[in-house]
Structures are given as structure tokens and as C-alpha cells.
């Protein structure tokens, strides 16, 4: 059976490849998204003191270390059996929102917008960050400024832009100063302006991609994420909620501590990435999606005025839940706007300057679960400790694992639509890659290509002869 291999998938965080199997008639028979790296962090941390876990777990990821930092700290809070000070929770929220802004900006402006601006069939030598700068300097600059906005807040709060150590079990290590608060607030107006400008630019562009919208992982699935009691967008804390493709609630008020009762983890021989599924429906029927698209499908409101106006417009895209994964891009822009508004709201509360920002305790529980919404979706850290507080077991469920089944099915859907015949066309393969970019998977989370497709593709017949080949990068 002829096989196409896209290796590596470009403009994502990490290393992976896609294989596409063709039948005798040239039609796509199957496709897989392969994660080709083994990280092993669940084993690395065994035997370490639980207090070290937040700083250690932040090293999982160079793109969104704050997400692992906070989720790990929440698991350690549970082991200590403490309620952290209110101000500490607000400060954690601010840093997480800043993380969401900078990560969404990277995904939308730098990794995906070359496809929107230069076209899916555009010259790959230009369809990259450098081409973006040449074609639309302001859009490129806006992406840089939004990443800077988020990363600068992380640095001002935590001391470093990558792997800050400020968030600790029990809260945060230092209170916020008036000077730092005012520095951050001064950057808010520009960030709101850029977020709105990006939405005004992108929404008309959507009309150019109707074929991609129909075929980029556009199928019924469940959607999973955190939810507030009032239906508001939940990023730091909430109950787990599951809805179906019509928007109806499948499960609600699920205690995160009981995640193993409804989330199963499967392993396939063609990937190091776990595939999670909703246990009541079994594997692989329990397919679900997490992340910005899922969160906006789950939420009745964002809770900030500008983002709520955009969410109301977003809901007009479909009668029920928005199913096409192409709309992850639109959802990211809405969340980015929400995050900026929410940071402004939190920092305008006088209590944000309280000096009481950390609770201290020894281990009081043998295990703890931390759960939070990372930029790419629901993130779970589960630790068990012995009497000395040393880690005996760790289980991590990363957002990309939640989405793994949907990404694979999406790759197959797009490949069946765009890939045909005995010739390789770069544009059709770019569309298959673009399905993965819509999910914005974080694999190794520390490296990614800047758009140059450093790969060699061969299309072979069942007898092994080369029908067509392509080099790029």
C-alpha cells in the first residue's frame, strides 16, 4: 500500500510526523499523527520531595511552563490540605492569563496566520514567519507585542519569562508591589486594541476557508473542560463538565479528584502520546476535544464585556456546538481578549496587594490532584506521596493527549478530502498539517520549526516503485 510521510509536521511546538496510506485506486485509506518523542517526566519525579514538583514540572514545557507550574502547585496544595490565601489565588490567575495570551499569540500570529495571509497553496518558501513580516508587517508586529505582553507579565511577577519559580505549594512566594501592578495596568490598553484588531482582521478572512472549515476535524465529538456554576468561562478553577455535539450536558459537577472514573488512557503502538477517552463510551468511541473551542462551547459567557460580545457572535456560527476545529483559531482570539480584560479586572482589586500570599503545611494527604485549563486545554497532575512527602507516583494528562483521538480522526478526514492520485501537491499536504496546527499541540514544547518544511516525501506504489517525490526546507 503506498504511504505518504510528512516528517516533521511544521509550525507546531515539538516533533511529530504524519503518515497517509493510499489504496490501489489512489484514495486515502488511513492516516495517523505520530508523536515521535518520549519524555518520561512521570518517572523522573519519583522519589523527589513534593515541594519540588512545581519547579520541576515547569521544565516539561518551554512554551507554557506556567500551566504546569500552577497545576502542579494545586496538586501540592491538595497534598498539604490547605486553602491558599485569596490574594495568592488571584495572582496565580493573573500569571495563568498572561500565559494564555502569550501562547495563543504564538499559535495564531506566528504559527498559523501565514496560512491565512498567504494561502494554504502559497509558496512554502514565503509561507512562514518571514513571509508574514514582508506581507503584513503590522500583523507580525501585533503578534510580537501580544507575546511580549504575556511574557513580560510573567517575568514581572515571577522573575523569569520561562520557568519562573514564584508559584509554590501553598500560594506564591512574594506579594505584588504597587509599582509592578501599575506597570502591568499601563500595558492593558494596547493589548486590548491589538486583540480587537486581530479579530476584525480574521473574521472576514474566514470566508476564504469554507472548504477547510468543512474538513478540518469537523465531526461530532464530546467536549470537556472546567465550568463555573454560573456557566462562565473557567480557566483556573471549576467543576469538570462534558457536553455533546448538540450542546447538551452529558456529565456535570464531576469532582476532578475522581477523574480516573471517567477518563481512560489508551496507548497506541504508533505514538508515544497517550490517547484519552470518556470511559462511559469506551475506546475509541469516547472521543472528545478540549481547549479554546471546547471551552467556548461549554461556556454560557466569558464574564468580560468585550469578550462576551465576541462570544455572542461566535455562537452564531452553528446552531448548537461549533464543531469544526478550524474555529480553534477564532476561539483563541476571543480567549486572548478575555484574558487581557480579566487581568485588568483582577489587578484593579485593592486586595491584590495583600502581603498574605502563602500557606505553609506539611503533607496531610497521601495524594493530590491539580487541574486547570492550560492554553491548549484541560491539564491534570496527580501525585501520591509517602509519609516523608516523597513522590511515589505521578500521572500527567496533557491537553494534547485529550485531543489525540480527534487529531488523528481530523488528519484522516482532511487527507481523504485533499489527497488524491499519484502526484504529491504541497498545498494538499500543508492542509493536512494545518489540521494539527488548528489544535496547536504541545509535544516537546520547547522547539518548533519556523515554517520551512524540512522533509522528503515519497509516494510509492504497492510494488515499492516511486510514483512521485518532493523535497522542501
Protein backbone atom coordinates (compact mmCIF):
# COMPACT_ATOMS: atom_id res chain seq x y z
CA UNK A 1 0.00 0.00 0.00
CA UNK A 2 1.54 3.42 -0.94
CA UNK A 3 2.42 5.60 2.04
CA UNK A 4 2.97 9.35 2.31
CA UNK A 5 5.03 10.54 5.26
CA UNK A 6 5.07 14.16 6.44
CA UNK A 7 8.10 14.36 8.72
CA UNK A 8 8.33 16.66 10.57
CA UNK A 9 4.99 18.42 10.91
CA UNK A 10 5.97 22.10 10.83
CA UNK A 11 4.88 25.20 12.70
CA UNK A 12 3.92 23.32 15.87
CA UNK A 13 5.62 23.03 19.26
CA UNK A 14 7.57 19.79 19.22
CA UNK A 15 8.37 16.95 16.84
CA UNK A 16 5.92 14.66 15.08
CA UNK A 17 5.07 13.20 11.72
CA UNK A 18 2.00 12.18 9.73
CA UNK A 19 1.66 9.03 7.63
CA UNK A 20 -1.01 8.69 4.97
CA UNK A 21 -1.78 5.28 3.43
CA UNK A 22 -3.20 5.16 -0.10
CA UNK A 23 -5.09 2.31 -1.72
CA UNK A 24 -4.66 0.87 -5.20
CA UNK A 25 -7.11 3.47 -6.52
CA UNK A 26 -5.08 6.38 -5.09
CA UNK A 27 -7.71 7.11 -2.42
CA UNK A 28 -6.68 7.62 1.21
CA UNK A 29 -7.32 4.53 3.30
CA UNK A 30 -5.89 5.60 6.64
CA UNK A 31 -3.79 8.30 8.31
CA UNK A 32 -2.01 8.70 11.64
CA UNK A 33 -0.49 11.54 13.64
CA UNK A 34 2.70 10.20 15.26
CA UNK A 35 4.38 11.80 18.27
CA UNK A 36 7.98 10.69 17.98
CA UNK A 37 9.46 11.81 21.30
CA UNK A 38 9.48 10.05 24.65
CA UNK A 39 9.67 12.50 27.56
CA UNK A 40 9.28 10.28 30.64
CA UNK A 41 8.53 13.02 33.18
CA UNK A 42 6.16 10.81 35.15
CA UNK A 43 9.10 8.60 36.07
CA UNK A 44 11.67 11.37 36.54
CA UNK A 45 9.88 12.82 39.56
CA UNK A 46 9.52 9.63 41.61
CA UNK A 47 11.48 9.95 44.84
CA UNK A 48 11.55 13.77 44.74
CA UNK A 49 10.13 15.86 47.64
CA UNK A 50 6.65 17.06 46.70
CA UNK A 51 7.67 20.69 47.38
CA UNK A 52 9.99 20.49 44.36
CA UNK A 53 7.27 19.42 41.98
CA UNK A 54 6.04 22.80 40.67
CA UNK A 55 9.53 23.96 39.66
CA UNK A 56 10.39 20.51 38.29
CA UNK A 57 7.16 20.15 36.31
CA UNK A 58 7.57 23.60 34.76
CA UNK A 59 10.57 22.11 32.93
CA UNK A 60 8.20 19.89 30.96
CA UNK A 61 7.41 22.80 28.72
CA UNK A 62 9.25 25.81 27.35
CA UNK A 63 6.13 27.22 25.67
CA UNK A 64 3.64 27.04 28.55
CA UNK A 65 5.67 26.31 31.70
CA UNK A 66 3.28 28.40 33.80
CA UNK A 67 0.44 25.95 33.14
CA UNK A 68 2.42 23.02 34.56
CA UNK A 69 3.77 25.21 37.35
CA UNK A 70 0.30 26.20 38.58
CA UNK A 71 -1.36 22.82 38.07
CA UNK A 72 1.46 21.12 39.95
CA UNK A 73 1.19 23.65 42.78
CA UNK A 74 -2.55 22.96 43.00
CA UNK A 75 -1.84 19.23 43.38
CA UNK A 76 0.65 20.06 46.15
CA UNK A 77 -1.93 22.33 47.84
CA UNK A 78 -4.18 19.27 47.97
CA UNK A 79 -1.42 17.12 49.48
CA UNK A 80 -0.91 19.80 52.14
CA UNK A 81 -4.71 20.05 52.60
CA UNK A 82 -4.61 23.85 52.63
CA UNK A 83 -6.74 26.60 51.17
CA UNK A 84 -4.33 29.15 49.76
CA UNK A 85 -4.83 32.87 50.54
CA UNK A 86 -7.34 34.67 48.30
CA UNK A 87 -4.71 37.08 47.03
CA UNK A 88 -2.39 34.20 46.12
CA UNK A 89 -5.16 32.65 44.03
CA UNK A 90 -5.74 35.96 42.23
CA UNK A 91 -2.04 36.31 41.49
CA UNK A 92 -1.89 32.75 40.15
CA UNK A 93 -4.86 33.61 37.93
CA UNK A 94 -3.08 36.69 36.57
CA UNK A 95 0.01 34.68 35.66
CA UNK A 96 -2.08 31.96 34.03
CA UNK A 97 -3.99 34.54 31.98
CA UNK A 98 -0.70 36.06 30.86
CA UNK A 99 0.43 32.57 29.84
CA UNK A 100 -2.73 32.10 27.78
CA UNK A 101 -2.18 35.42 25.99
CA UNK A 102 1.42 34.73 25.01
CA UNK A 103 0.71 31.12 23.98
CA UNK A 104 -2.38 31.99 21.92
CA UNK A 105 -0.43 34.83 20.28
CA UNK A 106 2.34 32.43 19.28
CA UNK A 107 -0.15 29.94 17.84
CA UNK A 108 -2.31 32.41 15.93
CA UNK A 109 0.09 35.07 14.71
CA UNK A 110 3.32 33.15 14.17
CA UNK A 111 2.39 29.52 13.50
CA UNK A 112 -0.99 29.71 11.74
CA UNK A 113 -1.51 33.19 10.25
CA UNK A 114 0.93 32.54 7.35
CA UNK A 115 -1.68 30.06 6.06
CA UNK A 116 -4.45 32.66 6.37
CA UNK A 117 -2.48 35.55 4.90
CA UNK A 118 -0.52 33.77 2.16
CA UNK A 119 -2.94 30.93 1.44
CA UNK A 120 -2.83 27.20 2.01
CA UNK A 121 -1.40 26.81 -1.50
CA UNK A 122 1.10 29.65 -1.11
CA UNK A 123 4.80 29.27 -1.80
CA UNK A 124 6.22 27.42 1.26
CA UNK A 125 9.40 29.47 0.92
CA UNK A 126 7.29 32.54 1.80
CA UNK A 127 4.50 30.93 3.84
CA UNK A 128 6.29 31.37 7.15
CA UNK A 129 7.12 34.00 9.73
CA UNK A 130 9.48 35.85 7.40
CA UNK A 131 6.80 35.92 4.71
CA UNK A 132 4.31 37.21 7.24
CA UNK A 133 6.60 40.11 8.14
CA UNK A 134 7.05 41.00 4.46
CA UNK A 135 3.34 40.73 3.58
CA UNK A 136 1.72 42.31 6.64
CA UNK A 137 4.23 43.99 8.98
CA UNK A 138 1.57 45.24 11.38
CA UNK A 139 0.07 41.78 11.86
CA UNK A 140 3.54 40.40 12.54
CA UNK A 141 4.28 43.23 14.95
CA UNK A 142 0.97 42.71 16.74
CA UNK A 143 1.88 39.07 17.30
CA UNK A 144 5.23 40.05 18.76
CA UNK A 145 3.63 42.67 21.01
CA UNK A 146 1.00 40.26 22.36
CA UNK A 147 3.63 37.63 23.15
CA UNK A 148 5.68 40.35 24.81
CA UNK A 149 2.65 41.46 26.82
CA UNK A 150 2.11 37.99 28.27
CA UNK A 151 5.76 37.14 28.79
CA UNK A 152 6.52 40.49 30.39
CA UNK A 153 3.79 39.96 32.99
CA UNK A 154 5.17 36.50 33.74
CA UNK A 155 8.64 37.99 34.21
CA UNK A 156 7.41 40.90 36.34
CA UNK A 157 5.54 38.52 38.64
CA UNK A 158 7.83 35.51 38.64
CA UNK A 159 11.28 36.92 37.93
CA UNK A 160 11.77 34.98 34.66
CA UNK A 161 9.84 34.67 31.41
CA UNK A 162 10.46 30.93 31.20
CA UNK A 163 10.29 28.54 34.16
CA UNK A 164 9.54 31.13 36.88
CA UNK A 165 9.71 29.75 40.41
CA UNK A 166 7.33 32.23 42.04
CA UNK A 167 4.33 29.90 42.27
CA UNK A 168 4.85 27.43 45.10
CA UNK A 169 2.84 24.92 47.15
CA UNK A 170 0.52 26.99 49.33
CA UNK A 171 0.39 30.09 47.12
CA UNK A 172 3.09 32.34 45.72
CA UNK A 173 6.46 33.25 47.18
CA UNK A 174 6.20 37.05 47.10
CA UNK A 175 3.37 39.61 47.12
CA UNK A 176 2.73 42.04 44.28
CA UNK A 177 4.08 45.56 44.62
CA UNK A 178 2.26 48.75 43.66
CA UNK A 179 4.94 49.50 41.08
CA UNK A 180 4.56 46.12 39.37
CA UNK A 181 0.78 46.38 39.38
CA UNK A 182 0.89 49.80 37.76
CA UNK A 183 3.43 48.61 35.18
CA UNK A 184 1.10 45.83 34.10
CA UNK A 185 -2.00 48.02 34.05
CA UNK A 186 -0.22 50.50 31.80
CA UNK A 187 0.16 47.81 29.11
CA UNK A 188 -3.52 46.82 29.06
CA UNK A 189 -4.91 49.39 26.56
CA UNK A 190 -2.51 48.42 23.77
CA UNK A 191 -3.18 44.71 24.35
CA UNK A 192 -6.94 45.23 24.08
CA UNK A 193 -6.50 47.27 20.91
CA UNK A 194 -4.37 44.57 19.28
CA UNK A 195 -6.77 41.78 20.31
CA UNK A 196 -9.73 43.59 18.78
CA UNK A 197 -7.74 44.43 15.64
CA UNK A 198 -6.81 40.77 15.17
CA UNK A 199 -10.45 39.74 15.46
CA UNK A 200 -11.52 42.42 12.95
CA UNK A 201 -8.87 41.14 10.51
CA UNK A 202 -9.54 37.42 10.95
CA UNK A 203 -13.33 37.22 10.86
CA UNK A 204 -13.66 38.34 7.20
CA UNK A 205 -10.77 36.02 6.27
CA UNK A 206 -12.82 33.01 7.43
CA UNK A 207 -14.94 33.22 4.27
CA UNK A 208 -11.89 32.22 2.20
CA UNK A 209 -11.58 28.88 4.00
CA UNK A 210 -15.01 27.28 3.72
CA UNK A 211 -13.58 24.06 2.31
CA UNK A 212 -11.10 23.82 5.18
CA UNK A 213 -13.83 24.57 7.71
CA UNK A 214 -15.86 21.64 6.36
CA UNK A 215 -12.95 19.20 6.53
CA UNK A 216 -10.61 20.23 9.37
CA UNK A 217 -11.66 17.80 12.10
CA UNK A 218 -15.30 18.75 11.58
CA UNK A 219 -17.35 15.96 13.13
CA UNK A 220 -19.44 15.29 16.25
CA UNK A 221 -17.47 14.66 19.44
CA UNK A 222 -17.85 15.34 23.12
CA UNK A 223 -16.27 18.48 24.57
CA UNK A 224 -14.67 18.52 28.03
CA UNK A 225 -13.40 21.29 30.29
CA UNK A 226 -13.79 23.19 33.53
CA UNK A 227 -17.01 25.08 34.13
CA UNK A 228 -18.29 27.55 36.69
CA UNK A 229 -21.61 27.18 38.45
CA UNK A 230 -22.98 30.24 36.64
CA UNK A 231 -21.82 28.97 33.26
CA UNK A 232 -18.95 31.42 32.99
CA UNK A 233 -15.65 30.63 31.30
CA UNK A 234 -13.48 28.75 33.81
CA UNK A 235 -9.70 28.65 33.47
CA UNK A 236 -8.27 28.32 36.98
CA UNK A 237 -10.96 26.55 39.00
CA UNK A 238 -14.27 24.81 38.43
CA UNK A 239 -16.11 21.53 38.03
CA UNK A 240 -15.46 19.28 35.06
CA UNK A 241 -18.30 19.34 32.54
CA UNK A 242 -18.83 17.23 29.43
CA UNK A 243 -21.22 18.21 26.63
CA UNK A 244 -22.12 16.52 23.36
CA UNK A 245 -22.10 17.91 19.83
CA UNK A 246 -25.58 19.40 20.25
CA UNK A 247 -24.52 21.34 23.33
CA UNK A 248 -26.43 19.09 25.72
CA UNK A 249 -24.79 18.27 29.04
CA UNK A 250 -23.53 14.68 29.26
CA UNK A 251 -21.92 14.96 32.71
CA UNK A 252 -21.56 17.85 35.14
CA UNK A 253 -20.16 18.69 38.56
CA UNK A 254 -17.52 15.99 38.19
CA UNK A 255 -15.02 16.19 41.02
CA UNK A 256 -11.51 16.50 39.50
CA UNK A 257 -10.24 14.12 42.19
CA UNK A 258 -12.33 11.40 40.54
CA UNK A 259 -11.01 11.99 37.01
CA UNK A 260 -9.90 8.35 36.67
CA UNK A 261 -13.52 7.20 36.94
CA UNK A 262 -14.47 8.93 33.69
CA UNK A 263 -11.20 9.49 31.78
CA UNK A 264 -9.43 6.44 30.40
CA UNK A 265 -5.93 6.38 28.93
CA UNK A 266 -5.00 4.22 25.95
CA UNK A 267 -1.66 3.71 24.21
CA UNK A 268 -1.25 3.02 20.51
CA UNK A 269 1.89 1.38 19.02
CA UNK A 270 2.38 4.23 16.52
CA UNK A 271 2.73 7.09 19.04
CA UNK A 272 4.32 7.95 22.39
CA UNK A 273 1.37 10.24 23.10
CA UNK A 274 -1.42 8.76 25.23
CA UNK A 275 -4.97 8.82 23.85
CA UNK A 276 -7.54 9.66 26.49
CA UNK A 277 -11.25 8.91 26.16
CA UNK A 278 -14.52 9.31 28.02
CA UNK A 279 -14.86 5.98 29.84
CA UNK A 280 -18.66 5.59 29.76
CA UNK A 281 -18.50 5.42 25.95
CA UNK A 282 -15.35 3.28 25.79
CA UNK A 283 -12.37 3.43 23.44
CA UNK A 284 -12.30 4.91 20.84
CA UNK A 285 -15.98 5.96 20.84
CA UNK A 286 -15.41 8.21 23.84
CA UNK A 287 -13.58 10.77 21.69
CA UNK A 288 -13.69 14.33 23.00
CA UNK A 289 -11.96 17.65 22.49
CA UNK A 290 -10.52 20.17 24.93
CA UNK A 291 -9.03 23.64 24.58
CA UNK A 292 -10.33 27.01 23.36
CA UNK A 293 -13.02 25.56 21.08
CA UNK A 294 -14.28 23.23 23.82
CA UNK A 295 -14.19 25.97 26.46
CA UNK A 296 -16.29 28.36 24.36
CA UNK A 297 -18.73 25.57 23.54
CA UNK A 298 -19.04 24.86 27.28
CA UNK A 299 -19.31 28.45 28.48
CA UNK A 300 -22.52 30.48 28.55
CA UNK A 301 -20.49 33.65 28.96
CA UNK A 302 -16.90 34.81 29.29
CA UNK A 303 -17.61 37.35 32.01
CA UNK A 304 -15.98 40.43 30.47
CA UNK A 305 -17.82 42.88 28.18
CA UNK A 306 -15.71 42.81 25.03
CA UNK A 307 -15.15 39.06 25.07
CA UNK A 308 -18.85 38.43 25.74
CA UNK A 309 -19.75 40.44 22.64
CA UNK A 310 -17.35 38.34 20.57
CA UNK A 311 -18.65 35.11 22.10
CA UNK A 312 -22.22 36.03 21.12
CA UNK A 313 -21.05 36.42 17.52
CA UNK A 314 -19.07 33.16 17.73
CA UNK A 315 -22.22 31.30 18.78
CA UNK A 316 -23.91 32.36 15.54
CA UNK A 317 -21.51 30.14 13.58
CA UNK A 318 -23.52 26.99 14.37
CA UNK A 319 -26.97 26.18 15.75
CA UNK A 320 -25.52 24.10 18.56
CA UNK A 321 -21.87 23.45 19.41
CA UNK A 322 -19.25 24.71 16.96
CA UNK A 323 -17.75 21.52 15.55
CA UNK A 324 -15.08 22.47 13.02
CA UNK A 325 -11.61 22.52 14.56
CA UNK A 326 -10.71 25.31 12.15
CA UNK A 327 -12.54 27.56 14.62
CA UNK A 328 -9.94 26.87 17.30
CA UNK A 329 -8.18 29.90 15.76
CA UNK A 330 -11.22 32.14 16.27
CA UNK A 331 -11.70 30.85 19.81
CA UNK A 332 -8.07 31.66 20.67
CA UNK A 333 -8.54 35.29 19.71
CA UNK A 334 -11.66 35.57 21.89
CA UNK A 335 -9.86 33.98 24.84
CA UNK A 336 -6.89 36.28 24.32
CA UNK A 337 -9.19 39.30 24.55
CA UNK A 338 -10.89 37.86 27.62
CA UNK A 339 -7.57 37.21 29.33
CA UNK A 340 -6.44 40.83 28.90
CA UNK A 341 -9.75 42.16 30.23
CA UNK A 342 -9.65 39.75 33.15
CA UNK A 343 -6.08 40.70 34.09
CA UNK A 344 -7.18 44.32 34.23
CA UNK A 345 -10.12 43.41 36.45
CA UNK A 346 -8.05 41.35 38.89
CA UNK A 347 -5.31 43.97 39.21
CA UNK A 348 -7.86 46.72 39.84
CA UNK A 349 -8.96 44.98 43.05
CA UNK A 350 -7.18 46.56 46.04
CA UNK A 351 -6.78 43.17 47.71
CA UNK A 352 -4.30 42.14 45.01
CA UNK A 353 -1.63 43.98 47.04
CA UNK A 354 -2.16 41.96 50.23
CA UNK A 355 1.03 40.64 51.82
CA UNK A 356 -0.65 37.37 52.84
CA UNK A 357 0.13 35.17 49.83
CA UNK A 358 1.24 31.78 51.14
CA UNK A 359 0.01 29.00 53.42
CA UNK A 360 2.51 26.60 55.00
CA UNK A 361 1.90 22.97 55.97
CA UNK A 362 3.41 19.51 55.91
CA UNK A 363 1.83 16.70 53.89
CA UNK A 364 -1.59 15.92 55.29
CA UNK A 365 -2.96 13.83 52.42
CA UNK A 366 -1.33 10.84 50.71
CA UNK A 367 -2.26 12.15 47.27
CA UNK A 368 -3.41 15.28 45.47
CA UNK A 369 -4.86 16.21 42.10
CA UNK A 370 -4.34 19.56 40.42
CA UNK A 371 -6.45 20.54 37.43
CA UNK A 372 -6.56 23.72 35.40
CA UNK A 373 -7.15 24.97 31.87
CA UNK A 374 -3.87 25.39 30.03
CA UNK A 375 -3.84 27.28 26.70
CA UNK A 376 -4.38 24.03 24.80
CA UNK A 377 -6.93 22.52 27.17
CA UNK A 378 -7.52 20.73 30.45
CA UNK A 379 -4.32 19.82 32.30
CA UNK A 380 -4.23 17.26 35.12
CA UNK A 381 -1.41 16.49 37.59
CA UNK A 382 -1.94 13.64 40.06
CA UNK A 383 0.68 12.85 42.72
CA UNK A 384 0.96 10.29 45.50
CA UNK A 385 3.45 10.69 48.36
CA UNK A 386 4.83 8.59 51.22
CA UNK A 387 4.97 9.65 54.88
CA UNK A 388 8.14 11.66 54.20
CA UNK A 389 6.45 13.62 51.44
CA UNK A 390 8.42 11.94 48.64
CA UNK A 391 6.66 11.31 45.36
CA UNK A 392 5.81 7.62 44.87
CA UNK A 393 3.58 8.01 41.81
CA UNK A 394 2.76 10.70 39.27
CA UNK A 395 0.27 10.77 36.42
CA UNK A 396 0.05 13.65 33.98
CA UNK A 397 -2.69 14.12 31.40
CA UNK A 398 -1.74 16.85 28.96
CA UNK A 399 -4.21 18.72 26.76
CA UNK A 400 -2.69 17.28 23.59
CA UNK A 401 -3.39 13.78 24.92
CA UNK A 402 -7.05 14.68 25.41
CA UNK A 403 -7.16 15.81 21.77
CA UNK A 404 -5.15 12.92 20.32
CA UNK A 405 -8.10 10.88 19.08
CA UNK A 406 -9.68 13.95 17.49
CA UNK A 407 -6.41 15.00 15.85
CA UNK A 408 -5.97 11.57 14.29
CA UNK A 409 -9.52 11.47 13.03
CA UNK A 410 -9.12 15.02 11.75
CA UNK A 411 -5.96 14.16 9.84
CA UNK A 412 -7.79 11.27 8.20
CA UNK A 413 -10.79 13.45 7.31
CA UNK A 414 -8.63 16.13 5.71
CA UNK A 415 -6.40 13.62 3.93
CA UNK A 416 -9.39 11.84 2.40
CA UNK A 417 -10.69 15.15 1.10
CA UNK A 418 -7.50 16.75 -0.20
CA UNK A 419 -5.04 13.92 -1.00
CA UNK A 420 -5.74 12.01 -4.21
CA UNK A 421 -3.97 10.43 -7.12
CA UNK A 422 -0.36 9.61 -7.81
CA UNK A 423 1.15 13.08 -7.51
CA UNK A 424 2.12 14.98 -4.40
CA UNK A 425 0.99 18.59 -4.25
CA UNK A 426 2.48 20.70 -1.48
CA UNK A 427 -0.79 22.54 -0.81
CA UNK A 428 -2.75 19.38 -0.10
CA UNK A 429 -0.15 18.20 2.40
CA UNK A 430 0.00 21.63 4.02
CA UNK A 431 -3.72 21.36 4.67
CA UNK A 432 -3.22 18.04 6.43
CA UNK A 433 -0.55 19.68 8.59
CA UNK A 434 -2.84 22.67 9.16
CA UNK A 435 -5.37 20.38 10.84
CA UNK A 436 -2.75 19.68 13.51
CA UNK A 437 -1.85 23.38 13.76
CA UNK A 438 -5.51 24.16 14.47
CA UNK A 439 -5.26 22.09 17.65
CA UNK A 440 -1.88 23.71 18.42
CA UNK A 441 -0.44 20.57 20.04
CA UNK A 442 2.41 21.00 22.51
CA UNK A 443 4.65 17.96 22.16
CA UNK A 444 8.17 18.60 23.37
CA UNK A 445 7.00 22.19 23.97
CA UNK A 446 10.48 23.62 23.55
CA UNK A 447 11.22 23.54 19.83
CA UNK A 448 9.36 24.17 16.61
CA UNK A 449 10.18 24.95 13.00
CA UNK A 450 9.58 28.47 11.70
CA UNK A 451 7.57 27.29 8.70
CA UNK A 452 10.24 25.71 6.49
CA UNK A 453 9.13 22.19 5.68
CA UNK A 454 12.34 20.23 6.22
CA UNK A 455 11.12 16.95 4.82
CA UNK A 456 11.39 14.45 2.00
CA UNK A 457 8.16 12.87 0.79
CA UNK A 458 7.87 9.75 -1.32
CA UNK A 459 4.72 8.29 -2.83
CA UNK A 460 5.26 4.60 -3.61
CA UNK A 461 3.17 2.03 -5.36
CA UNK A 462 2.23 -1.27 -3.68
CA UNK A 463 5.18 -2.80 -5.56
CA UNK A 464 7.57 -0.29 -3.98
CA UNK A 465 8.32 1.88 -7.03
CA UNK A 466 8.47 5.65 -6.52
CA UNK A 467 5.49 7.35 -8.17
CA UNK A 468 6.36 10.87 -7.04
CA UNK A 469 8.58 12.61 -4.52
CA UNK A 470 9.15 16.05 -3.08
CA UNK A 471 11.88 17.81 -1.12
CA UNK A 472 11.39 21.02 0.82
CA UNK A 473 13.14 23.01 3.51
